[in-house]
């Protein structure tokens, strides 16, 4: 026995979408910046060093002395020479007062006065090791520095925006349809039957 059947086939409509994205561009130019750096304030004061050399002892060792001291020394030596000369003259006078005693006193006095004693010479001009004295006062340097802050100026630039809106386009990608078919369906009438 064949049962009657109704066969239905259908296809839904398919919609297509075309999407255009929105576009946003931002143009941001660099900021304008100026920097000024003033020079630092710098002050340097210097007290120079001082070197003192005392060579008075070395000069005295070789016979060079200040004028005042030289005059005193020469006056002292002259006084000593005068005293020794006076003693010598007195001694020789005493000898000559006794000329009657005989002897060759005049010849002796003449010989004493005529002969000069031999001078002794030795190296006497080498100064002693500590004859020259040095004294040094070191220099002083005073530095004052004051830094100046940089002067910075910034001028921002405005951003430029460019916006293009997006969109959606719709289209029918596939139409819908329906198909109906009948199988084993018969119409039975008076003395006839008909297959539908």
N, C-alpha and C. Protein backbone atom coordinates (compact mmCIF):
# COMPACT_ATOMS: atom_id res chain seq x y z
N UNK A 1 0.85 -1.17 0.00
CA UNK A 1 0.00 0.00 0.00
C UNK A 1 0.89 1.23 0.00
N UNK A 2 0.56 2.11 -0.87
CA UNK A 2 1.33 3.35 -0.99
C UNK A 2 0.55 4.46 -0.33
N UNK A 3 1.20 5.09 0.64
CA UNK A 3 0.55 6.18 1.34
C UNK A 3 0.75 7.48 0.57
N UNK A 4 -0.21 8.29 0.61
CA UNK A 4 -0.04 9.58 -0.06
C UNK A 4 1.00 10.43 0.71
N UNK A 5 1.82 11.16 -0.03
CA UNK A 5 2.86 11.99 0.56
C UNK A 5 2.83 13.38 -0.06
N UNK A 6 3.09 14.33 0.80
CA UNK A 6 3.31 15.71 0.32
C UNK A 6 4.77 16.03 0.63
N UNK A 7 5.54 16.31 -0.38
CA UNK A 7 6.96 16.65 -0.21
C UNK A 7 7.14 18.16 -0.40
N UNK A 8 7.72 18.76 0.63
CA UNK A 8 7.93 20.21 0.58
C UNK A 8 9.44 20.46 0.74
N UNK A 9 10.03 21.17 -0.18
CA UNK A 9 11.42 21.60 -0.10
C UNK A 9 11.44 23.13 -0.16
N UNK A 10 12.21 23.70 0.73
CA UNK A 10 12.26 25.17 0.74
C UNK A 10 13.73 25.63 0.93
N UNK A 11 13.98 26.80 0.52
CA UNK A 11 15.31 27.44 0.67
C UNK A 11 15.08 28.85 1.19
N UNK A 12 15.72 29.14 2.33
CA UNK A 12 15.59 30.49 2.90
C UNK A 12 16.37 31.49 2.05
N UNK A 13 15.94 32.73 2.15
CA UNK A 13 16.66 33.81 1.46
C UNK A 13 17.97 34.07 2.23
N UNK A 14 19.01 34.33 1.51
CA UNK A 14 20.31 34.66 2.12
C UNK A 14 20.61 36.11 1.78
N UNK A 15 20.77 36.89 2.84
CA UNK A 15 21.11 38.31 2.66
C UNK A 15 22.63 38.47 2.76
N UNK A 16 23.19 39.28 1.92
CA UNK A 16 24.62 39.61 1.98
C UNK A 16 24.81 41.03 2.50
N UNK A 17 25.84 41.21 3.26
CA UNK A 17 26.17 42.54 3.80
C UNK A 17 27.58 42.92 3.38
N UNK A 18 27.73 44.09 2.89
CA UNK A 18 29.06 44.64 2.57
C UNK A 18 29.31 45.80 3.53
N UNK A 19 30.30 45.60 4.38
CA UNK A 19 30.55 46.60 5.43
C UNK A 19 31.80 47.40 5.08
N UNK A 20 31.64 48.68 5.03
CA UNK A 20 32.77 49.61 4.85
C UNK A 20 33.09 50.22 6.21
N UNK A 21 34.29 49.94 6.70
CA UNK A 21 34.67 50.47 8.02
C UNK A 21 34.84 51.99 7.98
N UNK A 22 34.55 52.58 9.12
CA UNK A 22 34.79 54.03 9.23
C UNK A 22 36.30 54.27 9.30
N UNK A 23 36.74 55.41 8.80
CA UNK A 23 38.16 55.75 8.78
C UNK A 23 38.37 57.05 9.55
N UNK A 24 39.32 56.97 10.51
CA UNK A 24 39.66 58.15 11.29
C UNK A 24 41.17 58.35 11.21
N UNK A 25 41.57 59.48 10.72
CA UNK A 25 43.01 59.82 10.69
C UNK A 25 43.22 61.07 11.54
N UNK A 26 44.27 60.99 12.35
CA UNK A 26 44.61 62.12 13.23
C UNK A 26 46.01 62.58 12.85
N UNK A 27 46.12 63.83 12.49
CA UNK A 27 47.43 64.42 12.16
C UNK A 27 47.84 65.30 13.33
N UNK A 28 48.85 64.83 14.05
CA UNK A 28 49.31 65.58 15.22
C UNK A 28 50.72 66.06 14.93
N UNK A 29 50.85 67.32 14.65
CA UNK A 29 52.17 67.91 14.38
C UNK A 29 52.97 68.04 15.66
N UNK A 30 54.30 68.10 15.56
CA UNK A 30 55.12 68.24 16.77
C UNK A 30 54.91 69.61 17.41
N UNK A 31 55.04 69.61 18.74
CA UNK A 31 54.92 70.88 19.46
C UNK A 31 56.15 71.74 19.17
N UNK A 32 55.95 73.03 19.19
CA UNK A 32 57.07 73.96 18.98
C UNK A 32 57.71 74.21 20.34
N UNK A 33 58.99 73.92 20.40
CA UNK A 33 59.69 74.01 21.68
C UNK A 33 60.97 74.82 21.50
N UNK A 34 61.17 75.77 22.39
CA UNK A 34 62.42 76.54 22.39
C UNK A 34 63.03 76.41 23.79
N UNK A 35 64.32 76.18 23.79
CA UNK A 35 65.05 76.03 25.06
C UNK A 35 66.22 77.02 25.04
N UNK A 36 66.28 77.84 26.07
CA UNK A 36 67.40 78.76 26.23
C UNK A 36 68.11 78.39 27.54
N UNK A 37 69.41 78.21 27.43
CA UNK A 37 70.20 77.85 28.61
C UNK A 37 71.17 78.98 28.92
N UNK A 38 70.80 79.83 29.88
CA UNK A 38 71.76 80.90 30.24
C UNK A 38 73.01 80.30 30.85
N UNK A 39 74.12 80.96 30.63
CA UNK A 39 75.38 80.48 31.19
C UNK A 39 75.36 80.60 32.71
N UNK A 40 76.08 79.70 33.33
CA UNK A 40 76.18 79.74 34.79
C UNK A 40 77.00 80.96 35.21
N UNK A 41 76.66 81.49 36.39
CA UNK A 41 77.43 82.60 36.94
C UNK A 41 78.61 82.01 37.70
N UNK A 42 79.80 82.35 37.24
CA UNK A 42 81.02 81.77 37.81
C UNK A 42 81.94 82.89 38.25
N UNK A 43 82.38 82.80 39.51
CA UNK A 43 83.32 83.80 40.03
C UNK A 43 84.49 83.07 40.66
N UNK A 44 85.68 83.42 40.20
CA UNK A 44 86.90 82.79 40.72
C UNK A 44 87.80 83.90 41.27
N UNK A 45 88.12 83.79 42.54
CA UNK A 45 89.07 84.74 43.13
C UNK A 45 90.29 83.95 43.61
N UNK A 46 91.44 84.50 43.32
CA UNK A 46 92.69 83.80 43.61
C UNK A 46 93.59 84.67 44.47
N UNK A 47 94.07 84.09 45.54
CA UNK A 47 95.12 84.75 46.33
C UNK A 47 96.42 84.05 45.96
N UNK A 48 97.34 84.78 45.31
CA UNK A 48 98.55 84.10 44.81
C UNK A 48 99.41 83.56 45.96
N UNK A 49 100.14 82.52 45.61
CA UNK A 49 101.08 81.96 46.59
C UNK A 49 102.24 82.93 46.84
N UNK A 50 102.87 82.75 47.98
CA UNK A 50 103.97 83.66 48.34
C UNK A 50 105.18 82.83 48.76
N UNK A 51 106.28 83.04 48.08
CA UNK A 51 107.53 82.34 48.38
C UNK A 51 108.51 83.36 48.97
N UNK A 52 108.96 83.05 50.18
CA UNK A 52 109.93 83.93 50.85
C UNK A 52 111.25 83.17 50.96
N UNK A 53 112.32 83.79 50.46
CA UNK A 53 113.66 83.20 50.53
C UNK A 53 114.52 84.10 51.39
N UNK A 54 114.99 83.55 52.49
CA UNK A 54 115.88 84.30 53.39
C UNK A 54 117.30 83.77 53.18
N UNK A 55 118.14 84.59 52.51
CA UNK A 55 119.51 84.18 52.24
C UNK A 55 120.52 85.07 52.99
N UNK A 56 120.02 85.74 54.01
CA UNK A 56 120.92 86.65 54.74
C UNK A 56 122.08 85.88 55.40
N UNK A 57 121.79 84.64 55.91
CA UNK A 57 122.86 83.87 56.53
C UNK A 57 123.90 83.44 55.49
N UNK A 58 123.42 83.03 54.28
CA UNK A 58 124.35 82.63 53.22
C UNK A 58 125.21 83.81 52.79
N UNK A 59 124.62 85.00 52.68
CA UNK A 59 125.39 86.18 52.31
C UNK A 59 126.40 86.52 53.40
N UNK A 60 125.97 86.36 54.66
CA UNK A 60 126.90 86.65 55.76
C UNK A 60 128.06 85.65 55.75
N UNK A 61 127.78 84.37 55.36
CA UNK A 61 128.84 83.36 55.31
C UNK A 61 129.93 83.72 54.30
N UNK A 62 129.54 84.40 53.22
CA UNK A 62 130.54 84.78 52.21
C UNK A 62 130.98 86.24 52.37
N UNK A 63 130.55 86.88 53.46
CA UNK A 63 131.04 88.23 53.75
C UNK A 63 130.16 89.34 53.26
N UNK A 64 129.00 89.02 52.73
CA UNK A 64 128.10 90.09 52.29
C UNK A 64 127.05 90.26 53.37
N UNK A 65 127.11 91.43 54.03
CA UNK A 65 126.18 91.69 55.12
C UNK A 65 125.53 93.04 54.88
N UNK A 66 124.42 93.30 55.55
CA UNK A 66 123.76 94.60 55.39
C UNK A 66 124.68 95.74 55.82
N UNK A 67 124.45 96.91 55.27
CA UNK A 67 125.32 98.08 55.47
C UNK A 67 125.48 98.43 56.94
N UNK A 68 124.38 98.48 57.66
CA UNK A 68 124.45 98.87 59.08
C UNK A 68 125.31 97.90 59.88
N UNK A 69 125.10 96.58 59.60
CA UNK A 69 125.90 95.58 60.31
C UNK A 69 127.35 95.63 59.85
N UNK A 70 127.57 95.91 58.55
CA UNK A 70 128.94 96.01 58.03
C UNK A 70 129.69 97.16 58.68
N UNK A 71 129.02 98.30 58.87
CA UNK A 71 129.66 99.47 59.51
C UNK A 71 130.03 99.13 60.94
N UNK A 72 129.10 98.45 61.67
CA UNK A 72 129.39 98.08 63.05
C UNK A 72 130.58 97.13 63.12
N UNK A 73 130.60 96.13 62.19
CA UNK A 73 131.69 95.14 62.18
C UNK A 73 133.03 95.81 61.88
N UNK A 74 133.02 96.70 60.85
CA UNK A 74 134.28 97.37 60.49
C UNK A 74 134.77 98.31 61.60
N UNK A 75 133.81 98.96 62.27
CA UNK A 75 134.20 99.85 63.38
C UNK A 75 134.82 99.04 64.51
N UNK A 76 134.23 97.85 64.77
CA UNK A 76 134.75 96.98 65.82
C UNK A 76 136.15 96.50 65.47
N UNK A 77 136.34 96.08 64.18
CA UNK A 77 137.65 95.60 63.73
C UNK A 77 138.68 96.74 63.77
N UNK A 78 138.27 97.94 63.36
CA UNK A 78 139.20 99.09 63.39
C UNK A 78 139.62 99.42 64.82
N UNK A 79 138.64 99.32 65.74
CA UNK A 79 138.96 99.59 67.14
C UNK A 79 139.95 98.55 67.67
N UNK A 80 139.73 97.29 67.29
CA UNK A 80 140.62 96.21 67.73
C UNK A 80 142.02 96.41 67.15
N UNK A 81 142.08 96.80 65.85
CA UNK A 81 143.39 97.06 65.21
C UNK A 81 144.11 98.22 65.89
N UNK A 82 143.32 99.27 66.22
CA UNK A 82 143.93 100.43 66.89
C UNK A 82 144.47 100.05 68.26
N UNK A 83 143.74 99.21 69.00
CA UNK A 83 144.19 98.77 70.33
C UNK A 83 145.45 97.94 70.21
N UNK A 84 145.44 97.00 69.20
CA UNK A 84 146.63 96.16 69.01
C UNK A 84 147.83 97.01 68.57
N UNK A 85 147.55 98.00 67.67
CA UNK A 85 148.66 98.90 67.23
C UNK A 85 149.21 99.72 68.37
N UNK A 86 148.32 100.15 69.25
CA UNK A 86 148.75 100.94 70.41
C UNK A 86 149.58 100.08 71.35
N UNK A 87 149.17 98.82 71.56
CA UNK A 87 149.95 97.92 72.41
C UNK A 87 151.32 97.66 71.81
N UNK A 88 151.34 97.45 70.48
CA UNK A 88 152.61 97.18 69.81
C UNK A 88 153.54 98.38 69.91
N UNK A 89 153.01 99.58 69.72
CA UNK A 89 153.83 100.80 69.79
C UNK A 89 154.37 100.98 71.21
N UNK A 90 153.55 100.71 72.22
CA UNK A 90 153.99 100.83 73.60
C UNK A 90 155.10 99.83 73.91
N UNK A 91 154.89 98.58 73.43
CA UNK A 91 155.89 97.54 73.68
C UNK A 91 157.22 97.92 73.01
N UNK A 92 157.12 98.38 71.74
CA UNK A 92 158.37 98.78 71.05
C UNK A 92 159.00 100.01 71.72
N UNK A 93 158.19 100.91 72.21
CA UNK A 93 158.73 102.10 72.94
C UNK A 93 159.47 101.70 74.19
N UNK A 94 158.85 100.72 74.90
CA UNK A 94 159.52 100.23 76.12
C UNK A 94 160.87 99.59 75.76
N UNK A 95 160.89 98.86 74.61
CA UNK A 95 162.15 98.24 74.18
C UNK A 95 163.20 99.32 73.86
N UNK A 96 162.81 100.37 73.17
CA UNK A 96 163.76 101.40 72.76
C UNK A 96 164.25 102.24 73.95
N UNK A 97 163.42 102.27 75.02
CA UNK A 97 163.87 103.03 76.19
C UNK A 97 165.06 102.33 76.87
N UNK A 98 165.22 101.07 76.57
CA UNK A 98 166.31 100.31 77.19
C UNK A 98 167.43 100.07 76.18
N UNK A 99 167.58 100.98 75.24
CA UNK A 99 168.59 100.83 74.19
C UNK A 99 170.01 100.86 74.76
N UNK A 100 170.13 101.53 75.95
CA UNK A 100 171.46 101.65 76.53
C UNK A 100 171.98 100.31 77.05
N UNK A 101 171.10 99.38 77.19
CA UNK A 101 171.52 98.07 77.68
C UNK A 101 172.24 97.27 76.60
N UNK A 102 172.24 97.78 75.42
CA UNK A 102 172.91 97.09 74.33
C UNK A 102 171.93 96.20 73.57
N UNK A 103 172.43 95.58 72.63
CA UNK A 103 171.59 94.73 71.79
C UNK A 103 171.23 95.47 70.52
N UNK A 104 170.73 94.80 69.62
CA UNK A 104 170.38 95.38 68.33
C UNK A 104 168.87 95.65 68.28
N UNK A 105 168.41 96.56 69.20
CA UNK A 105 166.98 96.81 69.35
C UNK A 105 166.40 97.52 68.13
N UNK A 106 167.11 98.46 67.57
CA UNK A 106 166.58 99.19 66.40
C UNK A 106 166.35 98.23 65.25
N UNK A 107 167.25 97.32 65.03
CA UNK A 107 167.07 96.34 63.94
C UNK A 107 165.88 95.45 64.19
N UNK A 108 165.68 95.07 65.47
CA UNK A 108 164.54 94.22 65.80
C UNK A 108 163.21 94.94 65.56
N UNK A 109 163.14 96.22 65.97
CA UNK A 109 161.91 97.01 65.78
C UNK A 109 161.66 97.21 64.28
N UNK A 110 162.74 97.51 63.53
CA UNK A 110 162.59 97.70 62.09
C UNK A 110 162.11 96.42 61.42
N UNK A 111 162.62 95.28 61.90
CA UNK A 111 162.20 94.00 61.31
C UNK A 111 160.72 93.71 61.62
N UNK A 112 160.30 94.03 62.87
CA UNK A 112 158.90 93.80 63.24
C UNK A 112 157.97 94.67 62.41
N UNK A 113 158.38 95.92 62.19
CA UNK A 113 157.51 96.83 61.44
C UNK A 113 157.59 96.61 59.94
N UNK A 114 158.71 96.08 59.46
CA UNK A 114 158.88 95.91 58.02
C UNK A 114 158.29 94.62 57.48
N UNK A 115 158.23 93.59 58.29
CA UNK A 115 157.70 92.31 57.80
C UNK A 115 156.20 92.25 58.02
N UNK A 116 155.56 91.85 56.98
CA UNK A 116 154.12 91.63 57.12
C UNK A 116 153.88 90.14 57.33
N UNK A 117 152.97 89.81 58.21
CA UNK A 117 152.72 88.38 58.43
C UNK A 117 152.06 87.74 57.21
N UNK A 118 152.42 86.48 56.98
CA UNK A 118 151.83 85.78 55.84
C UNK A 118 150.34 85.55 56.11
N UNK A 119 149.60 85.84 55.11
CA UNK A 119 148.15 85.67 55.26
C UNK A 119 147.79 84.22 55.00
N UNK A 120 146.92 83.73 55.83
CA UNK A 120 146.40 82.38 55.66
C UNK A 120 145.18 82.45 54.74
N UNK A 121 145.13 81.55 53.80
CA UNK A 121 143.97 81.53 52.90
C UNK A 121 143.34 80.15 52.95
N UNK A 122 142.09 80.16 53.07
CA UNK A 122 141.33 78.91 53.06
C UNK A 122 139.99 79.19 52.38
N UNK A 123 139.37 78.13 51.91
CA UNK A 123 138.07 78.35 51.27
C UNK A 123 137.08 78.70 52.36
N UNK A 124 136.66 79.94 52.34
CA UNK A 124 135.75 80.39 53.38
C UNK A 124 134.46 80.94 52.81
N UNK A 125 134.25 80.76 51.55
CA UNK A 125 133.06 81.36 50.93
C UNK A 125 131.96 80.35 50.66
N UNK A 126 132.12 79.09 51.14
CA UNK A 126 131.05 78.12 50.95
C UNK A 126 130.04 78.30 52.08
N UNK A 127 128.81 78.63 51.77
CA UNK A 127 127.83 78.83 52.84
C UNK A 127 127.45 77.50 53.47
N UNK A 128 126.94 77.55 54.69
CA UNK A 128 126.51 76.34 55.39
C UNK A 128 125.26 75.77 54.72
N UNK A 129 124.98 74.51 55.06
CA UNK A 129 123.88 73.81 54.39
C UNK A 129 122.51 74.41 54.65
N UNK A 130 122.31 74.99 55.82
CA UNK A 130 121.00 75.57 56.14
C UNK A 130 121.03 77.09 56.04
N UNK A 131 121.92 77.61 55.21
CA UNK A 131 122.09 79.05 55.11
C UNK A 131 120.90 79.73 54.42
N UNK A 132 120.27 79.04 53.48
CA UNK A 132 119.14 79.64 52.76
C UNK A 132 117.86 79.02 53.29
N UNK A 133 116.93 79.86 53.73
CA UNK A 133 115.67 79.38 54.30
C UNK A 133 114.52 79.75 53.36
N UNK A 134 113.68 78.77 53.17
CA UNK A 134 112.52 78.96 52.28
C UNK A 134 111.24 78.88 53.11
N UNK A 135 110.31 79.73 52.77
CA UNK A 135 108.98 79.68 53.39
C UNK A 135 107.95 79.94 52.28
N UNK A 136 107.03 79.00 52.14
CA UNK A 136 106.02 79.13 51.06
C UNK A 136 104.62 79.13 51.64
N UNK A 137 103.86 80.14 51.29
CA UNK A 137 102.43 80.18 51.63
C UNK A 137 101.66 79.85 50.36
N UNK A 138 100.91 78.76 50.42
CA UNK A 138 100.25 78.28 49.19
C UNK A 138 99.13 79.23 48.76
N UNK A 139 98.85 79.17 47.48
CA UNK A 139 97.81 80.01 46.90
C UNK A 139 96.44 79.51 47.36
N UNK A 140 95.50 80.43 47.37
CA UNK A 140 94.11 80.08 47.71
C UNK A 140 93.23 80.44 46.52
N UNK A 141 92.40 79.49 46.14
CA UNK A 141 91.45 79.71 45.03
C UNK A 141 90.05 79.54 45.58
N UNK A 142 89.23 80.55 45.39
CA UNK A 142 87.83 80.51 45.85
C UNK A 142 86.94 80.54 44.61
N UNK A 143 86.14 79.49 44.45
CA UNK A 143 85.28 79.37 43.27
C UNK A 143 83.83 79.38 43.72
N UNK A 144 83.06 80.27 43.16
CA UNK A 144 81.61 80.31 43.40
C UNK A 144 80.90 80.14 42.07
N UNK A 145 80.07 79.11 42.00
CA UNK A 145 79.33 78.85 40.76
C UNK A 145 77.85 78.77 41.08
N UNK A 146 77.03 79.45 40.26
CA UNK A 146 75.58 79.40 40.43
C UNK A 146 74.97 79.06 39.08
N UNK A 147 74.31 77.91 39.03
CA UNK A 147 73.70 77.46 37.78
C UNK A 147 72.39 78.20 37.54
N UNK A 148 72.14 78.56 36.31
CA UNK A 148 70.88 79.18 35.92
C UNK A 148 69.98 78.13 35.27
N UNK A 149 68.71 78.16 35.65
CA UNK A 149 67.78 77.17 35.13
C UNK A 149 67.52 77.42 33.65
N UNK A 150 67.31 76.35 32.88
CA UNK A 150 66.97 76.55 31.47
C UNK A 150 65.58 77.16 31.32
N UNK A 151 65.41 77.97 30.29
CA UNK A 151 64.11 78.60 29.99
C UNK A 151 63.48 77.82 28.84
N UNK A 152 62.40 77.11 29.15
CA UNK A 152 61.76 76.23 28.18
C UNK A 152 60.38 76.79 27.85
N UNK A 153 60.13 77.00 26.57
CA UNK A 153 58.81 77.45 26.10
C UNK A 153 58.26 76.40 25.15
N UNK A 154 57.03 75.97 25.43
CA UNK A 154 56.38 74.95 24.60
C UNK A 154 55.08 75.52 24.05
N UNK A 155 54.90 75.40 22.74
CA UNK A 155 53.68 75.85 22.08
C UNK A 155 53.07 74.65 21.35
N UNK A 156 52.00 74.07 21.93
CA UNK A 156 51.44 72.87 21.31
C UNK A 156 50.73 73.21 19.99
N UNK A 157 50.71 72.23 19.10
CA UNK A 157 49.97 72.39 17.84
C UNK A 157 48.67 71.60 17.93
N UNK A 158 47.62 72.11 17.28
CA UNK A 158 46.31 71.45 17.35
C UNK A 158 46.32 70.20 16.47
N UNK A 159 45.56 69.20 16.94
CA UNK A 159 45.41 67.97 16.17
C UNK A 159 44.40 68.18 15.04
N UNK A 160 44.66 67.54 13.90
CA UNK A 160 43.74 67.60 12.75
C UNK A 160 43.10 66.22 12.60
N UNK A 161 41.75 66.23 12.66
CA UNK A 161 41.00 64.98 12.55
C UNK A 161 40.35 64.90 11.17
N UNK A 162 40.39 63.74 10.54
CA UNK A 162 39.69 63.47 9.28
C UNK A 162 38.89 62.18 9.47
N UNK A 163 37.53 62.32 9.46
CA UNK A 163 36.68 61.17 9.72
C UNK A 163 35.82 60.89 8.49
N UNK A 164 35.90 59.64 8.04
CA UNK A 164 35.05 59.18 6.96
C UNK A 164 34.15 58.09 7.53
N UNK A 165 32.83 58.37 7.55
CA UNK A 165 31.95 57.37 8.17
C UNK A 165 31.87 56.10 7.34
N UNK A 166 31.65 55.01 8.04
CA UNK A 166 31.49 53.72 7.37
C UNK A 166 30.04 53.52 6.93
N UNK A 167 29.81 52.39 6.37
CA UNK A 167 28.45 52.10 5.90
C UNK A 167 28.25 50.60 5.70
N UNK A 168 26.97 50.24 5.60
CA UNK A 168 26.61 48.84 5.37
C UNK A 168 25.71 48.78 4.14
N UNK A 169 26.12 47.98 3.15
CA UNK A 169 25.30 47.76 1.95
C UNK A 169 24.69 46.36 2.04
N UNK A 170 23.36 46.32 1.83
CA UNK A 170 22.65 45.03 1.87
C UNK A 170 22.32 44.59 0.46
N UNK A 171 22.42 43.31 0.26
CA UNK A 171 22.02 42.76 -1.05
C UNK A 171 21.55 41.34 -0.84
N UNK A 172 20.73 40.90 -1.79
CA UNK A 172 20.17 39.55 -1.73
C UNK A 172 21.13 38.62 -2.43
N UNK A 173 21.74 37.77 -1.62
CA UNK A 173 22.71 36.84 -2.18
C UNK A 173 22.01 35.62 -2.79
N UNK A 174 20.88 35.17 -2.20
CA UNK A 174 20.13 34.01 -2.74
C UNK A 174 18.66 34.22 -2.42
N UNK A 175 17.80 34.04 -3.46
CA UNK A 175 16.36 34.20 -3.25
C UNK A 175 15.81 32.99 -2.49
N UNK A 176 14.69 33.22 -1.79
CA UNK A 176 14.02 32.10 -1.12
C UNK A 176 13.07 31.42 -2.11
N UNK A 177 12.85 30.16 -1.87
CA UNK A 177 11.90 29.43 -2.73
C UNK A 177 11.32 28.27 -1.94
N UNK A 178 10.21 27.77 -2.43
CA UNK A 178 9.55 26.62 -1.84
C UNK A 178 9.04 25.73 -2.98
N UNK A 179 9.21 24.41 -2.83
CA UNK A 179 8.77 23.44 -3.85
C UNK A 179 7.91 22.39 -3.15
N UNK A 180 6.66 22.29 -3.60
CA UNK A 180 5.72 21.33 -3.00
C UNK A 180 5.40 20.28 -4.07
N UNK A 181 5.53 19.00 -3.71
CA UNK A 181 5.16 17.92 -4.65
C UNK A 181 4.32 16.89 -3.91
N UNK A 182 3.42 16.25 -4.67
CA UNK A 182 2.49 15.25 -4.10
C UNK A 182 2.84 13.91 -4.68
N UNK A 183 2.90 12.92 -3.87
CA UNK A 183 3.20 11.55 -4.32
C UNK A 183 2.08 10.63 -3.78
N UNK A 184 1.55 9.80 -4.68
CA UNK A 184 0.49 8.84 -4.34
C UNK A 184 -0.77 9.53 -3.82
N UNK A 185 -1.06 10.65 -4.35
CA UNK A 185 -2.30 11.33 -3.98
C UNK A 185 -3.26 11.15 -5.15
N UNK A 186 -4.38 10.58 -4.84
CA UNK A 186 -5.38 10.28 -5.89
C UNK A 186 -6.70 10.89 -5.50
N UNK A 187 -7.36 11.36 -6.50
CA UNK A 187 -8.72 11.84 -6.31
C UNK A 187 -9.67 10.77 -6.86
N UNK A 188 -10.51 10.31 -6.00
CA UNK A 188 -11.43 9.25 -6.41
C UNK A 188 -12.81 9.89 -6.56
N UNK A 189 -13.30 9.80 -7.80
CA UNK A 189 -14.63 10.35 -8.09
C UNK A 189 -15.59 9.22 -8.46
N UNK A 190 -16.75 9.55 -9.10
CA UNK A 190 -17.70 8.55 -9.52
C UNK A 190 -17.13 7.81 -10.69
N UNK A 191 -16.89 6.63 -10.49
CA UNK A 191 -16.37 5.72 -11.49
C UNK A 191 -15.05 6.19 -12.10
N UNK A 192 -14.35 7.00 -11.41
CA UNK A 192 -12.97 7.30 -11.90
C UNK A 192 -12.11 7.72 -10.75
N UNK A 193 -10.83 7.67 -10.96
CA UNK A 193 -9.87 8.21 -9.99
C UNK A 193 -8.75 8.93 -10.74
N UNK A 194 -8.26 9.90 -10.13
CA UNK A 194 -7.27 10.74 -10.84
C UNK A 194 -6.09 10.97 -9.87
N UNK A 195 -4.92 10.82 -10.41
CA UNK A 195 -3.69 11.01 -9.63
C UNK A 195 -3.33 12.48 -9.66
N UNK A 196 -3.11 12.99 -8.53
CA UNK A 196 -2.79 14.40 -8.43
C UNK A 196 -1.28 14.51 -8.30
